[in-house]
Amino acid sequence: MRTVRYHPAAETEMIEAAQYYELQHKDLGKRFLVSIQEAIQKIQINPLLYPIIHHDVRRALTKTFPFGILFRICNDQIVIMAVMHLQRNPDYWEKR
C-alpha cells in the first residue's frame, strides 16, 4: 500500500475544516477527520479507481461531508494536494 503525504496547504485546509465543524457541534470535527481518513484508506487501496480531474490529479469524494480529496500518484506515494469543500472555486489549488 502506498504511503500518504500531504501538501502543507492541504493539511492546513483539513485542520481548519475540522476546527470549523467542531465549533458547530461537539465531535463533528472528529467525524469529519474520520470521513477524510476513510476516503484516504480507499485511495490507498485502489488510487486508479478515482477520476482524473486535471492533468494527473484525481478526486475522491467523502461519504458524509461535501469535500473532495484531490491527489496525485507519485511513485510509491499518494500526495494529497487539497482537501476541498465542493462549493469552493475548483481551480484555487492548481498552483500547488
PDB file of N, CA and C in Angstrom:
ATOM      1  N   MET A   1       0.850  -1.183   0.000  1.00  0.00           N
ATOM      2  CA  MET A   1       0.000   0.000   0.000  1.00  0.00           C
ATOM      3  C   MET A   1       0.892   1.241   0.000  1.00  0.00           C
ATOM      4  N   ARG A   2       0.503   2.221  -0.777  1.00  0.00           N
ATOM      5  CA  ARG A   2       1.288   3.449  -0.877  1.00  0.00           C
ATOM      6  C   ARG A   2       1.153   4.300   0.387  1.00  0.00           C
ATOM      7  N   THR A   3       2.230   5.008   0.704  1.00  0.00           N
ATOM      8  CA  THR A   3       2.181   5.942   1.830  1.00  0.00           C
ATOM      9  C   THR A   3       1.494   7.224   1.386  1.00  0.00           C
ATOM     10  N   VAL A   4       1.032   7.990   2.343  1.00  0.00           N
ATOM     11  CA  VAL A   4       0.320   9.235   2.061  1.00  0.00           C
ATOM     12  C   VAL A   4       1.143  10.410   2.577  1.00  0.00           C
ATOM     13  N   ARG A   5       1.235  11.431   1.748  1.00  0.00           N
ATOM     14  CA  ARG A   5       1.910  12.673   2.124  1.00  0.00           C
ATOM     15  C   ARG A   5       0.965  13.817   1.782  1.00  0.00           C
ATOM     16  N   TYR A   6       0.889  14.800   2.653  1.00  0.00           N
ATOM     17  CA  TYR A   6       0.019  15.955   2.437  1.00  0.00           C
ATOM     18  C   TYR A   6       0.824  17.152   1.957  1.00  0.00           C
ATOM     19  N   HIS A   7       0.322  17.846   0.957  1.00  0.00           N
ATOM     20  CA  HIS A   7       0.842  19.172   0.652  1.00  0.00           C
ATOM     21  C   HIS A   7       0.534  20.015   1.893  1.00  0.00           C
ATOM     22  N   PRO A   8       1.447  20.888   2.335  1.00  0.00           N
ATOM     23  CA  PRO A   8       1.193  21.661   3.557  1.00  0.00           C
ATOM     24  C   PRO A   8      -0.138  22.426   3.538  1.00  0.00           C
ATOM     25  N   ALA A   9      -0.501  22.979   2.399  1.00  0.00           N
ATOM     26  CA  ALA A   9      -1.761  23.722   2.314  1.00  0.00           C
ATOM     27  C   ALA A   9      -2.965  22.784   2.454  1.00  0.00           C
ATOM     28  N   ALA A  10      -2.851  21.567   1.961  1.00  0.00           N
ATOM     29  CA  ALA A  10      -3.946  20.601   2.078  1.00  0.00           C
ATOM     30  C   ALA A  10      -4.140  20.205   3.538  1.00  0.00           C
ATOM     31  N   GLU A  11      -3.035  20.012   4.237  1.00  0.00           N
ATOM     32  CA  GLU A  11      -3.134  19.663   5.655  1.00  0.00           C
ATOM     33  C   GLU A  11      -3.774  20.803   6.449  1.00  0.00           C
ATOM     34  N   THR A  12      -3.403  22.037   6.120  1.00  0.00           N
ATOM     35  CA  THR A  12      -4.000  23.203   6.775  1.00  0.00           C
ATOM     36  C   THR A  12      -5.491  23.266   6.498  1.00  0.00           C
ATOM     37  N   GLU A  13      -5.892  23.036   5.253  1.00  0.00           N
ATOM     38  CA  GLU A  13      -7.327  23.032   4.910  1.00  0.00           C
ATOM     39  C   GLU A  13      -8.094  22.010   5.729  1.00  0.00           C
ATOM     40  N   MET A  14      -7.528  20.828   5.852  1.00  0.00           N
ATOM     41  CA  MET A  14      -8.192  19.762   6.579  1.00  0.00           C
ATOM     42  C   MET A  14      -8.348  20.128   8.062  1.00  0.00           C
ATOM     43  N   ILE A  15      -7.302  20.653   8.664  1.00  0.00           N
ATOM     44  CA  ILE A  15      -7.351  21.035  10.080  1.00  0.00           C
ATOM     45  C   ILE A  15      -8.340  22.167  10.302  1.00  0.00           C
ATOM     46  N   GLU A  16      -8.322  23.169   9.423  1.00  0.00           N
ATOM     47  CA  GLU A  16      -9.257  24.299   9.569  1.00  0.00           C
ATOM     48  C   GLU A  16     -10.701  23.855   9.403  1.00  0.00           C
ATOM     49  N   ALA A  17     -10.961  22.958   8.478  1.00  0.00           N
ATOM     50  CA  ALA A  17     -12.325  22.449   8.298  1.00  0.00           C
ATOM     51  C   ALA A  17     -12.766  21.664   9.529  1.00  0.00           C
ATOM     52  N   ALA A  18     -11.874  20.857  10.084  1.00  0.00           N
ATOM     53  CA  ALA A  18     -12.207  20.091  11.288  1.00  0.00           C
ATOM     54  C   ALA A  18     -12.495  21.034  12.454  1.00  0.00           C
ATOM     55  N   GLN A  19     -11.709  22.080  12.587  1.00  0.00           N
ATOM     56  CA  GLN A  19     -11.948  23.065  13.658  1.00  0.00           C
ATOM     57  C   GLN A  19     -13.292  23.756  13.471  1.00  0.00           C
ATOM     58  N   TYR A  20     -13.614  24.118  12.238  1.00  0.00           N
ATOM     59  CA  TYR A  20     -14.898  24.743  11.956  1.00  0.00           C
ATOM     60  C   TYR A  20     -16.051  23.816  12.355  1.00  0.00           C
ATOM     61  N   TYR A  21     -15.982  22.561  11.911  1.00  0.00           N
ATOM     62  CA  TYR A  21     -17.053  21.613  12.229  1.00  0.00           C
ATOM     63  C   TYR A  21     -17.149  21.367  13.733  1.00  0.00           C
ATOM     64  N   GLU A  22     -16.026  21.341  14.403  1.00  0.00           N
ATOM     65  CA  GLU A  22     -16.041  21.117  15.856  1.00  0.00           C
ATOM     66  C   GLU A  22     -16.720  22.279  16.579  1.00  0.00           C
ATOM     67  N   LEU A  23     -16.546  23.491  16.057  1.00  0.00           N
ATOM     68  CA  LEU A  23     -17.223  24.658  16.648  1.00  0.00           C
ATOM     69  C   LEU A  23     -18.731  24.606  16.416  1.00  0.00           C
ATOM     70  N   GLN A  24     -19.160  23.960  15.352  1.00  0.00           N
ATOM     71  CA  GLN A  24     -20.582  23.864  15.039  1.00  0.00           C
ATOM     72  C   GLN A  24     -21.291  22.885  15.961  1.00  0.00           C
ATOM     73  N   HIS A  25     -20.605  21.788  16.266  1.00  0.00           N
ATOM     74  CA  HIS A  25     -21.219  20.746  17.102  1.00  0.00           C
ATOM     75  C   HIS A  25     -20.116  19.859  17.669  1.00  0.00           C
ATOM     76  N   LYS A  26     -20.205  19.529  18.946  1.00  0.00           N
ATOM     77  CA  LYS A  26     -19.193  18.693  19.592  1.00  0.00           C
ATOM     78  C   LYS A  26     -19.022  17.374  18.827  1.00  0.00           C
ATOM     79  N   ASP A  27     -17.800  17.010  18.589  1.00  0.00           N
ATOM     80  CA  ASP A  27     -17.379  15.782  17.904  1.00  0.00           C
ATOM     81  C   ASP A  27     -17.638  15.780  16.398  1.00  0.00           C
ATOM     82  N   LEU A  28     -18.215  16.835  15.849  1.00  0.00           N
ATOM     83  CA  LEU A  28     -18.417  16.881  14.398  1.00  0.00           C
ATOM     84  C   LEU A  28     -17.081  16.997  13.670  1.00  0.00           C
ATOM     85  N   GLY A  29     -16.151  17.731  14.250  1.00  0.00           N
ATOM     86  CA  GLY A  29     -14.817  17.825  13.662  1.00  0.00           C
ATOM     87  C   GLY A  29     -14.119  16.483  13.637  1.00  0.00           C
ATOM     88  N   LYS A  30     -14.291  15.707  14.690  1.00  0.00           N
ATOM     89  CA  LYS A  30     -13.708  14.363  14.730  1.00  0.00           C
ATOM     90  C   LYS A  30     -14.347  13.476  13.674  1.00  0.00           C
ATOM     91  N   ARG A  31     -15.652  13.584  13.507  1.00  0.00           N
ATOM     92  CA  ARG A  31     -16.334  12.793  12.479  1.00  0.00           C
ATOM     93  C   ARG A  31     -15.853  13.185  11.087  1.00  0.00           C
ATOM     94  N   PHE A  32     -15.593  14.476  10.890  1.00  0.00           N
ATOM     95  CA  PHE A  32     -15.053  14.951   9.619  1.00  0.00           C
ATOM     96  C   PHE A  32     -13.699  14.286   9.340  1.00  0.00           C
ATOM     97  N   LEU A  33     -12.819  14.285  10.329  1.00  0.00           N
ATOM     98  CA  LEU A  33     -11.496  13.689  10.150  1.00  0.00           C
ATOM     99  C   LEU A  33     -11.584  12.187   9.886  1.00  0.00           C
ATOM    100  N   VAL A  34     -12.519  11.514  10.532  1.00  0.00           N
ATOM    101  CA  VAL A  34     -12.721  10.087  10.274  1.00  0.00           C
ATOM    102  C   VAL A  34     -13.171   9.880   8.824  1.00  0.00           C
ATOM    103  N   SER A  35     -14.065  10.740   8.357  1.00  0.00           N
ATOM    104  CA  SER A  35     -14.546  10.647   6.979  1.00  0.00           C
ATOM    105  C   SER A  35     -13.399  10.842   5.983  1.00  0.00           C
ATOM    106  N   ILE A  36     -12.529  11.794   6.261  1.00  0.00           N
ATOM    107  CA  ILE A  36     -11.359  12.030   5.410  1.00  0.00           C
ATOM    108  C   ILE A  36     -10.445  10.807   5.433  1.00  0.00           C
ATOM    109  N   GLN A  37     -10.197  10.276   6.628  1.00  0.00           N
ATOM    110  CA  GLN A  37      -9.305   9.127   6.745  1.00  0.00           C
ATOM    111  C   GLN A  37      -9.870   7.909   6.014  1.00  0.00           C
ATOM    112  N   GLU A  38     -11.174   7.688   6.107  1.00  0.00           N
ATOM    113  CA  GLU A  38     -11.784   6.564   5.395  1.00  0.00           C
ATOM    114  C   GLU A  38     -11.605   6.701   3.887  1.00  0.00           C
ATOM    115  N   ALA A  39     -11.787   7.923   3.379  1.00  0.00           N
ATOM    116  CA  ALA A  39     -11.608   8.153   1.945  1.00  0.00           C
ATOM    117  C   ALA A  39     -10.153   7.917   1.541  1.00  0.00           C
ATOM    118  N   ILE A  40      -9.215   8.351   2.370  1.00  0.00           N
ATOM    119  CA  ILE A  40      -7.799   8.167   2.057  1.00  0.00           C
ATOM    120  C   ILE A  40      -7.426   6.689   2.078  1.00  0.00           C
ATOM    121  N   GLN A  41      -7.996   5.930   2.997  1.00  0.00           N
ATOM    122  CA  GLN A  41      -7.729   4.494   3.022  1.00  0.00           C
ATOM    123  C   GLN A  41      -8.214   3.823   1.734  1.00  0.00           C
ATOM    124  N   LYS A  42      -9.357   4.258   1.226  1.00  0.00           N
ATOM    125  CA  LYS A  42      -9.860   3.718  -0.042  1.00  0.00           C
ATOM    126  C   LYS A  42      -8.947   4.115  -1.203  1.00  0.00           C
ATOM    127  N   ILE A  43      -8.445   5.335  -1.161  1.00  0.00           N
ATOM    128  CA  ILE A  43      -7.496   5.787  -2.182  1.00  0.00           C
ATOM    129  C   ILE A  43      -6.256   4.902  -2.159  1.00  0.00           C
ATOM    130  N   GLN A  44      -5.748   4.617  -0.977  1.00  0.00           N
ATOM    131  CA  GLN A  44      -4.543   3.792  -0.858  1.00  0.00           C
ATOM    132  C   GLN A  44      -4.754   2.393  -1.442  1.00  0.00           C
ATOM    133  N   ILE A  45      -5.941   1.854  -1.269  1.00  0.00           N
ATOM    134  CA  ILE A  45      -6.229   0.512  -1.764  1.00  0.00           C
ATOM    135  C   ILE A  45      -6.256   0.477  -3.292  1.00  0.00           C
ATOM    136  N   ASN A  46      -6.911   1.473  -3.898  1.00  0.00           N
ATOM    137  CA  ASN A  46      -7.026   1.481  -5.354  1.00  0.00           C
ATOM    138  C   ASN A  46      -7.095   2.921  -5.879  1.00  0.00           C
ATOM    139  N   PRO A  47      -5.960   3.599  -5.966  1.00  0.00           N
ATOM    140  CA  PRO A  47      -5.969   5.002  -6.390  1.00  0.00           C
ATOM    141  C   PRO A  47      -6.435   5.214  -7.828  1.00  0.00           C
ATOM    142  N   LEU A  48      -6.279   4.213  -8.674  1.00  0.00           N
ATOM    143  CA  LEU A  48      -6.679   4.361 -10.073  1.00  0.00           C
ATOM    144  C   LEU A  48      -8.191   4.309 -10.267  1.00  0.00           C
ATOM    145  N   LEU A  49      -8.904   3.983  -9.226  1.00  0.00           N
ATOM    146  CA  LEU A  49     -10.363   3.940  -9.275  1.00  0.00           C
ATOM    147  C   LEU A  49     -10.979   5.336  -9.457  1.00  0.00           C
ATOM    148  N   TYR A  50     -10.255   6.363  -9.037  1.00  0.00           N
ATOM    149  CA  TYR A  50     -10.806   7.713  -8.998  1.00  0.00           C
ATOM    150  C   TYR A  50     -10.508   8.481 -10.277  1.00  0.00           C
ATOM    151  N   PRO A  51     -11.463   9.315 -10.692  1.00  0.00           N
ATOM    152  CA  PRO A  51     -11.307  10.011 -11.979  1.00  0.00           C
ATOM    153  C   PRO A  51     -10.241  11.105 -11.938  1.00  0.00           C
ATOM    154  N   ILE A  52      -9.588  11.267 -13.061  1.00  0.00           N
ATOM    155  CA  ILE A  52      -8.652  12.376 -13.232  1.00  0.00           C
ATOM    156  C   ILE A  52      -9.485  13.624 -13.503  1.00  0.00           C
ATOM    157  N   ILE A  53      -9.182  14.688 -12.749  1.00  0.00           N
ATOM    158  CA  ILE A  53      -9.936  15.928 -12.944  1.00  0.00           C
ATOM    159  C   ILE A  53      -9.094  17.042 -13.558  1.00  0.00           C
ATOM    160  N   HIS A  54      -7.762  16.903 -13.480  1.00  0.00           N
ATOM    161  CA  HIS A  54      -6.874  17.928 -14.035  1.00  0.00           C
ATOM    162  C   HIS A  54      -5.484  17.319 -14.181  1.00  0.00           C
ATOM    163  N   HIS A  55      -5.004  17.218 -15.401  1.00  0.00           N
ATOM    164  CA  HIS A  55      -3.705  16.602 -15.694  1.00  0.00           C
ATOM    165  C   HIS A  55      -3.604  15.242 -15.005  1.00  0.00           C
ATOM    166  N   ASP A  56      -2.775  15.149 -13.962  1.00  0.00           N
ATOM    167  CA  ASP A  56      -2.595  13.860 -13.269  1.00  0.00           C
ATOM    168  C   ASP A  56      -3.244  13.850 -11.879  1.00  0.00           C
ATOM    169  N   VAL A  57      -4.098  14.816 -11.612  1.00  0.00           N
ATOM    170  CA  VAL A  57      -4.745  14.928 -10.297  1.00  0.00           C
ATOM    171  C   VAL A  57      -6.099  14.221 -10.334  1.00  0.00           C
ATOM    172  N   ARG A  58      -6.309  13.382  -9.342  1.00  0.00           N
ATOM    173  CA  ARG A  58      -7.563  12.629  -9.219  1.00  0.00           C
ATOM    174  C   ARG A  58      -8.355  13.163  -8.031  1.00  0.00           C
ATOM    175  N   ARG A  59      -9.656  12.808  -8.011  1.00  0.00           N
ATOM    176  CA  ARG A  59     -10.509  13.288  -6.919  1.00  0.00           C
ATOM    177  C   ARG A  59     -11.323  12.137  -6.343  1.00  0.00           C
ATOM    178  N   ALA A  60     -11.289  12.062  -5.018  1.00  0.00           N
ATOM    179  CA  ALA A  60     -12.154  11.138  -4.278  1.00  0.00           C
ATOM    180  C   ALA A  60     -13.089  11.981  -3.427  1.00  0.00           C
ATOM    181  N   LEU A  61     -14.320  11.562  -3.324  1.00  0.00           N
ATOM    182  CA  LEU A  61     -15.298  12.282  -2.512  1.00  0.00           C
ATOM    183  C   LEU A  61     -15.451  11.599  -1.159  1.00  0.00           C
ATOM    184  N   THR A  62     -15.719  12.407  -0.146  1.00  0.00           N
ATOM    185  CA  THR A  62     -16.002  11.835   1.169  1.00  0.00           C
ATOM    186  C   THR A  62     -17.452  11.400   1.194  1.00  0.00           C
ATOM    187  N   LYS A  63     -17.748  10.500   2.120  1.00  0.00           N
ATOM    188  CA  LYS A  63     -19.097   9.955   2.186  1.00  0.00           C
ATOM    189  C   LYS A  63     -20.105  10.923   2.807  1.00  0.00           C
ATOM    190  N   THR A  64     -19.759  11.528   3.919  1.00  0.00           N
ATOM    191  CA  THR A  64     -20.717  12.291   4.703  1.00  0.00           C
ATOM    192  C   THR A  64     -20.635  13.794   4.488  1.00  0.00           C
ATOM    193  N   PHE A  65     -19.456  14.286   4.238  1.00  0.00           N
ATOM    194  CA  PHE A  65     -19.225  15.729   4.151  1.00  0.00           C
ATOM    195  C   PHE A  65     -19.018  16.147   2.699  1.00  0.00           C
ATOM    196  N   PRO A  66     -19.354  17.400   2.367  1.00  0.00           N
ATOM    197  CA  PRO A  66     -19.218  17.863   0.973  1.00  0.00           C
ATOM    198  C   PRO A  66     -17.776  18.255   0.628  1.00  0.00           C
ATOM    199  N   PHE A  67     -16.888  17.274   0.692  1.00  0.00           N
ATOM    200  CA  PHE A  67     -15.475  17.525   0.442  1.00  0.00           C
ATOM    201  C   PHE A  67     -14.936  16.542  -0.571  1.00  0.00           C
ATOM    202  N   GLY A  68     -13.979  17.030  -1.339  1.00  0.00           N
ATOM    203  CA  GLY A  68     -13.237  16.188  -2.247  1.00  0.00           C
ATOM    204  C   GLY A  68     -11.782  16.163  -1.825  1.00  0.00           C
ATOM    205  N   ILE A  69     -11.146  15.034  -2.018  1.00  0.00           N
ATOM    206  CA  ILE A  69      -9.719  14.899  -1.744  1.00  0.00           C
ATOM    207  C   ILE A  69      -9.031  14.817  -3.093  1.00  0.00           C
ATOM    208  N   LEU A  70      -8.236  15.811  -3.389  1.00  0.00           N
ATOM    209  CA  LEU A  70      -7.510  15.854  -4.655  1.00  0.00           C
ATOM    210  C   LEU A  70      -6.114  15.316  -4.423  1.00  0.00           C
ATOM    211  N   PHE A  71      -5.691  14.360  -5.254  1.00  0.00           N
ATOM    212  CA  PHE A  71      -4.417  13.706  -5.004  1.00  0.00           C
ATOM    213  C   PHE A  71      -3.717  13.334  -6.302  1.00  0.00           C
ATOM    214  N   ARG A  72      -2.412  13.140  -6.167  1.00  0.00           N
ATOM    215  CA  ARG A  72      -1.562  12.654  -7.249  1.00  0.00           C
ATOM    216  C   ARG A  72      -0.930  11.342  -6.810  1.00  0.00           C
ATOM    217  N   ILE A  73      -0.691  10.489  -7.774  1.00  0.00           N
ATOM    218  CA  ILE A  73       0.065   9.265  -7.521  1.00  0.00           C
ATOM    219  C   ILE A  73       1.495   9.545  -7.958  1.00  0.00           C
ATOM    220  N   CYS A  74       2.414   9.517  -7.017  1.00  0.00           N
ATOM    221  CA  CYS A  74       3.827   9.788  -7.301  1.00  0.00           C
ATOM    222  C   CYS A  74       4.652   8.595  -6.843  1.00  0.00           C
ATOM    223  N   ASN A  75       4.988   7.726  -7.775  1.00  0.00           N
ATOM    224  CA  ASN A  75       5.751   6.510  -7.489  1.00  0.00           C
ATOM    225  C   ASN A  75       5.074   5.695  -6.392  1.00  0.00           C
ATOM    226  N   ASP A  76       5.683   5.655  -5.224  1.00  0.00           N
ATOM    227  CA  ASP A  76       5.145   4.838  -4.129  1.00  0.00           C
ATOM    228  C   ASP A  76       4.342   5.665  -3.127  1.00  0.00           C
ATOM    229  N   GLN A  77       3.974   6.895  -3.499  1.00  0.00           N
ATOM    230  CA  GLN A  77       3.245   7.769  -2.592  1.00  0.00           C
ATOM    231  C   GLN A  77       1.949   8.284  -3.200  1.00  0.00           C
ATOM    232  N   ILE A  78       1.012   8.581  -2.316  1.00  0.00           N
ATOM    233  CA  ILE A  78      -0.185   9.344  -2.659  1.00  0.00           C
ATOM    234  C   ILE A  78       0.055  10.728  -2.073  1.00  0.00           C
ATOM    235  N   VAL A  79       0.035  11.739  -2.908  1.00  0.00           N
ATOM    236  CA  VAL A  79       0.257  13.101  -2.433  1.00  0.00           C
ATOM    237  C   VAL A  79      -1.088  13.824  -2.449  1.00  0.00           C
ATOM    238  N   ILE A  80      -1.561  14.187  -1.270  1.00  0.00           N
ATOM    239  CA  ILE A  80      -2.829  14.909  -1.137  1.00  0.00           C
ATOM    240  C   ILE A  80      -2.558  16.370  -1.457  1.00  0.00           C
ATOM    241  N   MET A  81      -3.164  16.852  -2.540  1.00  0.00           N
ATOM    242  CA  MET A  81      -2.947  18.222  -2.991  1.00  0.00           C
ATOM    243  C   MET A  81      -3.922  19.202  -2.365  1.00  0.00           C
ATOM    244  N   ALA A  82      -5.138  18.737  -2.072  1.00  0.00           N
ATOM    245  CA  ALA A  82      -6.160  19.611  -1.489  1.00  0.00           C
ATOM    246  C   ALA A  82      -7.213  18.763  -0.795  1.00  0.00           C
ATOM    247  N   VAL A  83      -7.764  19.323   0.262  1.00  0.00           N
ATOM    248  CA  VAL A  83      -8.955  18.788   0.929  1.00  0.00           C
ATOM    249  C   VAL A  83      -9.978  19.899   0.750  1.00  0.00           C
ATOM    250  N   MET A  84     -10.754  19.786  -0.309  1.00  0.00           N
ATOM    251  CA  MET A  84     -11.522  20.900  -0.847  1.00  0.00           C
ATOM    252  C   MET A  84     -13.026  20.785  -0.598  1.00  0.00           C
ATOM    253  N   HIS A  85     -13.592  21.849  -0.043  1.00  0.00           N
ATOM    254  CA  HIS A  85     -15.050  21.922   0.056  1.00  0.00           C
ATOM    255  C   HIS A  85     -15.582  22.029  -1.368  1.00  0.00           C
ATOM    256  N   LEU A  86     -16.618  21.287  -1.675  1.00  0.00           N
ATOM    257  CA  LEU A  86     -17.097  21.201  -3.052  1.00  0.00           C
ATOM    258  C   LEU A  86     -17.784  22.474  -3.546  1.00  0.00           C
ATOM    259  N   GLN A  87     -18.080  23.416  -2.668  1.00  0.00           N
ATOM    260  CA  GLN A  87     -18.661  24.693  -3.095  1.00  0.00           C
ATOM    261  C   GLN A  87     -17.597  25.751  -3.353  1.00  0.00           C
ATOM    262  N   ARG A  88     -16.360  25.404  -3.112  1.00  0.00           N
ATOM    263  CA  ARG A  88     -15.261  26.342  -3.309  1.00  0.00           C
ATOM    264  C   ARG A  88     -14.884  26.410  -4.788  1.00  0.00           C
ATOM    265  N   ASN A  89     -14.265  27.504  -5.193  1.00  0.00           N
ATOM    266  CA  ASN A  89     -13.764  27.647  -6.556  1.00  0.00           C
ATOM    267  C   ASN A  89     -12.888  26.441  -6.872  1.00  0.00           C
ATOM    268  N   PRO A  90     -13.220  25.661  -7.874  1.00  0.00           N
ATOM    269  CA  PRO A  90     -12.494  24.395  -8.100  1.00  0.00           C
ATOM    270  C   PRO A  90     -11.062  24.564  -8.599  1.00  0.00           C
ATOM    271  N   ASP A  91     -10.647  25.746  -8.969  1.00  0.00           N
ATOM    272  CA  ASP A  91      -9.300  25.941  -9.515  1.00  0.00           C
ATOM    273  C   ASP A  91      -8.288  26.501  -8.519  1.00  0.00           C
ATOM    274  N   TYR A  92      -8.704  26.783  -7.299  1.00  0.00           N
ATOM    275  CA  TYR A  92      -7.848  27.509  -6.376  1.00  0.00           C
ATOM    276  C   TYR A  92      -6.536  26.776  -6.036  1.00  0.00           C
ATOM    277  N   TRP A  93      -6.512  25.495  -6.107  1.00  0.00           N
ATOM    278  CA  TRP A  93      -5.376  24.686  -5.662  1.00  0.00           C
ATOM    279  C   TRP A  93      -4.336  24.429  -6.753  1.00  0.00           C
ATOM    280  N   GLU A  94      -4.615  24.784  -7.989  1.00  0.00           N
ATOM    281  CA  GLU A  94      -3.793  24.359  -9.122  1.00  0.00           C
ATOM    282  C   GLU A  94      -2.337  24.808  -9.101  1.00  0.00           C
ATOM    283  N   LYS A  95      -2.008  25.821  -8.351  1.00  0.00           N
ATOM    284  CA  LYS A  95      -0.612  26.297  -8.315  1.00  0.00           C
ATOM    285  C   LYS A  95       0.232  25.545  -7.291  1.00  0.00           C
ATOM    286  N   ARG A  96      -0.333  24.533  -6.667  1.00  0.00           N
ATOM    287  CA  ARG A  96       0.417  23.772  -5.651  1.00  0.00           C
ATOM    288  C   ARG A  96       1.352  22.779  -6.304  1.00  0.00           C
TER     289      ARG A  96
END
